[in-house]
Each structure stands twice: as structure tokens, then as C-alpha cells.
Amino acid sequence: MVKVNKGSTTAIAKSLRVSPRKLNLVATSIRNMKVSEAMVQLTFSPKRIAKDVKKCLQSAVANAENNFGLDIDALFVTSATVGKALVMKRIMPRAKGRATRINKFFSNLYITVTEVEGK
């Protein structure tokens, strides 16, 4: 039986230079994990964006400890949500004087950690 306390905190990383689709691959790998396991998962992940996700997770843990006094060992990642941010539009020259547009996507990341007892 898992008992959830009211203590939960969120950390937000805005305008990460990665597409939401790629960021969601890393975010799904840490959902519903203990924070310590998620840190190990992100440390050894081959994905480039895992470093920024780990930084956001560390921020959420620091918020939980400093602002709410929650126990770090009892924290779980309850949600890791990815959202779209701005799109930079660039132009790539093509043959015969034409040009095509290149979209460079940015993402927002929201990580919520909750103190859970009995697991």
C-alpha cells in the first residue's frame, strides 16, 4: 500500500533546445521512479538532453527539501511532462534559387516530485 503525502513540488525548465518528441523519450524513462533511481538513469543515459533533465530534477529535489522540508529519500517522480515552446524558423538555400524553411523546435519540461511513504 502506497500512502501519498500532500508534499509535492514542481520544477520547470523552459526553452530547452530539443524537440518535444525527443525530450519525451527521456521524460518517460524517469516517470514513476524513485528520485535516486531516476538520477542514475539520467547519469548513464546516452541522450544529450538527459543532462538538462537531470538538472531540472535536482532543482525539484532542492525545492522539496528547502521550501517544504520533505525527506529526499522518500521522493518519487510523479510526473514528468513535456510541452511545446517556441519554434525558430530558419531558411536553407536549395537548388535553382529556391529556399526551404527549417523549424528548430524548443520544449518546456515540468517535473513534479512527491513524498511517498510505505514503498
Protein backbone atom coordinates (compact mmCIF):
# COMPACT_ATOMS: atom_id res chain seq x y z
CA MET A 1 0.00 0.00 0.00
CA VAL A 2 1.37 3.38 -1.01
CA LYS A 3 0.41 6.42 1.00
CA VAL A 4 0.91 9.79 -0.67
CA ASN A 5 1.56 12.86 1.46
CA LYS A 6 0.42 16.31 0.48
CA GLY A 7 4.02 17.41 -0.05
CA SER A 8 4.85 17.76 -3.71
CA THR A 9 6.94 20.27 -5.61
CA THR A 10 7.48 21.16 -9.23
CA ALA A 11 10.49 22.37 -11.18
CA ILE A 12 10.22 23.87 -14.66
CA ALA A 13 12.86 24.03 -17.38
CA LYS A 14 11.76 26.33 -20.18
CA SER A 15 13.02 26.71 -23.74
CA LEU A 16 15.20 23.61 -23.88
CA ARG A 17 16.77 23.33 -27.34
CA VAL A 18 15.35 19.92 -28.24
CA SER A 19 12.17 18.79 -29.92
CA PRO A 20 9.35 17.73 -27.58
CA ARG A 21 9.31 14.30 -29.17
CA LYS A 22 12.96 13.61 -28.27
CA LEU A 23 12.60 15.10 -24.79
CA ASN A 24 9.58 12.92 -24.11
CA LEU A 25 11.73 9.79 -24.64
CA VAL A 26 13.89 10.81 -21.69
CA ALA A 27 10.96 12.05 -19.60
CA THR A 28 9.09 8.75 -19.89
CA SER A 29 12.17 6.86 -18.70
CA ILE A 30 12.05 8.58 -15.27
CA ARG A 31 8.29 8.74 -14.62
CA ASN A 32 7.05 6.88 -11.50
CA MET A 33 10.59 6.21 -10.27
CA LYS A 34 12.35 6.92 -7.02
CA VAL A 35 14.43 10.07 -7.36
CA SER A 36 17.67 8.19 -6.65
CA GLU A 37 16.92 5.66 -9.42
CA ALA A 38 15.96 8.44 -11.82
CA MET A 39 19.27 10.24 -11.15
CA VAL A 40 21.20 7.07 -12.00
CA GLN A 41 19.08 6.56 -15.12
CA LEU A 42 19.80 10.12 -16.31
CA THR A 43 23.50 9.97 -15.43
CA PHE A 44 24.14 6.99 -17.69
CA SER A 45 21.69 7.90 -20.45
CA PRO A 46 23.30 8.36 -23.88
CA LYS A 47 20.83 11.11 -24.81
CA ARG A 48 22.22 14.65 -24.98
CA ILE A 49 19.22 16.22 -23.27
CA ALA A 50 19.47 13.91 -20.23
CA LYS A 51 21.92 16.37 -18.63
CA ASP A 52 19.30 19.16 -18.68
CA VAL A 53 16.58 16.82 -17.41
CA LYS A 54 18.84 15.81 -14.53
CA LYS A 55 19.44 19.47 -13.70
CA CYS A 56 15.67 20.09 -13.59
CA LEU A 57 15.16 17.02 -11.39
CA GLN A 58 17.86 18.23 -8.99
CA SER A 59 16.06 21.58 -8.84
CA ALA A 60 12.78 19.84 -7.95
CA VAL A 61 14.52 17.89 -5.18
CA ALA A 62 16.13 21.08 -3.84
CA ASN A 63 12.71 22.80 -3.86
CA ALA A 64 11.22 19.89 -1.92
CA GLU A 65 13.99 19.91 0.67
CA ASN A 66 14.47 23.65 1.18
CA ASN A 67 10.95 25.04 0.69
CA PHE A 68 8.82 22.24 2.16
CA GLY A 69 11.23 20.22 4.31
CA LEU A 70 10.42 16.91 2.60
CA ASP A 71 12.53 13.78 3.02
CA ILE A 72 14.78 13.29 -0.02
CA ASP A 73 14.88 9.50 0.35
CA ALA A 74 11.08 9.25 0.13
CA LEU A 75 10.67 11.33 -3.05
CA PHE A 76 9.18 9.89 -6.23
CA VAL A 77 8.90 11.45 -9.68
CA THR A 78 5.12 11.55 -10.01
CA SER A 79 5.02 13.38 -13.32
CA ALA A 80 7.46 14.48 -15.99
CA THR A 81 5.50 16.47 -18.56
CA VAL A 82 6.81 17.84 -21.84
CA GLY A 83 5.28 20.79 -23.65
CA LYS A 84 5.96 22.73 -26.81
CA ALA A 85 7.77 26.05 -26.61
CA LEU A 86 8.74 28.42 -29.39
CA VAL A 87 9.80 27.41 -32.90
CA MET A 88 12.75 29.16 -34.53
CA LYS A 89 12.29 29.40 -38.26
CA ARG A 90 15.38 29.27 -40.44
CA ILE A 91 15.92 29.18 -44.20
CA MET A 92 18.07 26.68 -46.09
CA PRO A 93 19.06 27.55 -49.67
CA ARG A 94 18.17 24.93 -52.26
CA ALA A 95 18.81 24.40 -55.95
CA LYS A 96 17.63 26.81 -58.68
CA GLY A 97 17.28 29.79 -56.35
CA ARG A 98 14.71 28.17 -54.12
CA ALA A 99 14.70 28.01 -50.35
CA THR A 100 13.03 25.78 -47.78
CA ARG A 101 12.16 26.52 -44.21
CA ILE A 102 13.77 24.66 -41.32
CA ASN A 103 11.94 24.59 -37.99
CA LYS A 104 14.09 24.40 -34.86
CA PHE A 105 11.87 23.26 -32.00
CA PHE A 106 12.14 24.16 -28.33
CA SER A 107 10.50 22.38 -25.38
CA ASN A 108 9.34 23.00 -21.83
CA LEU A 109 9.80 20.39 -19.09
CA TYR A 110 7.74 20.14 -15.89
CA ILE A 111 8.90 17.67 -13.23
CA THR A 112 6.82 17.02 -10.10
CA VAL A 113 8.23 15.09 -7.16
CA THR A 114 6.07 13.84 -4.29
CA GLU A 115 6.95 12.41 -0.90
CA VAL A 116 5.62 8.85 -0.70
CA GLU A 117 5.60 6.60 2.35
CA GLY A 118 5.40 2.83 2.52
CA LYS A 119 7.02 1.76 -0.71
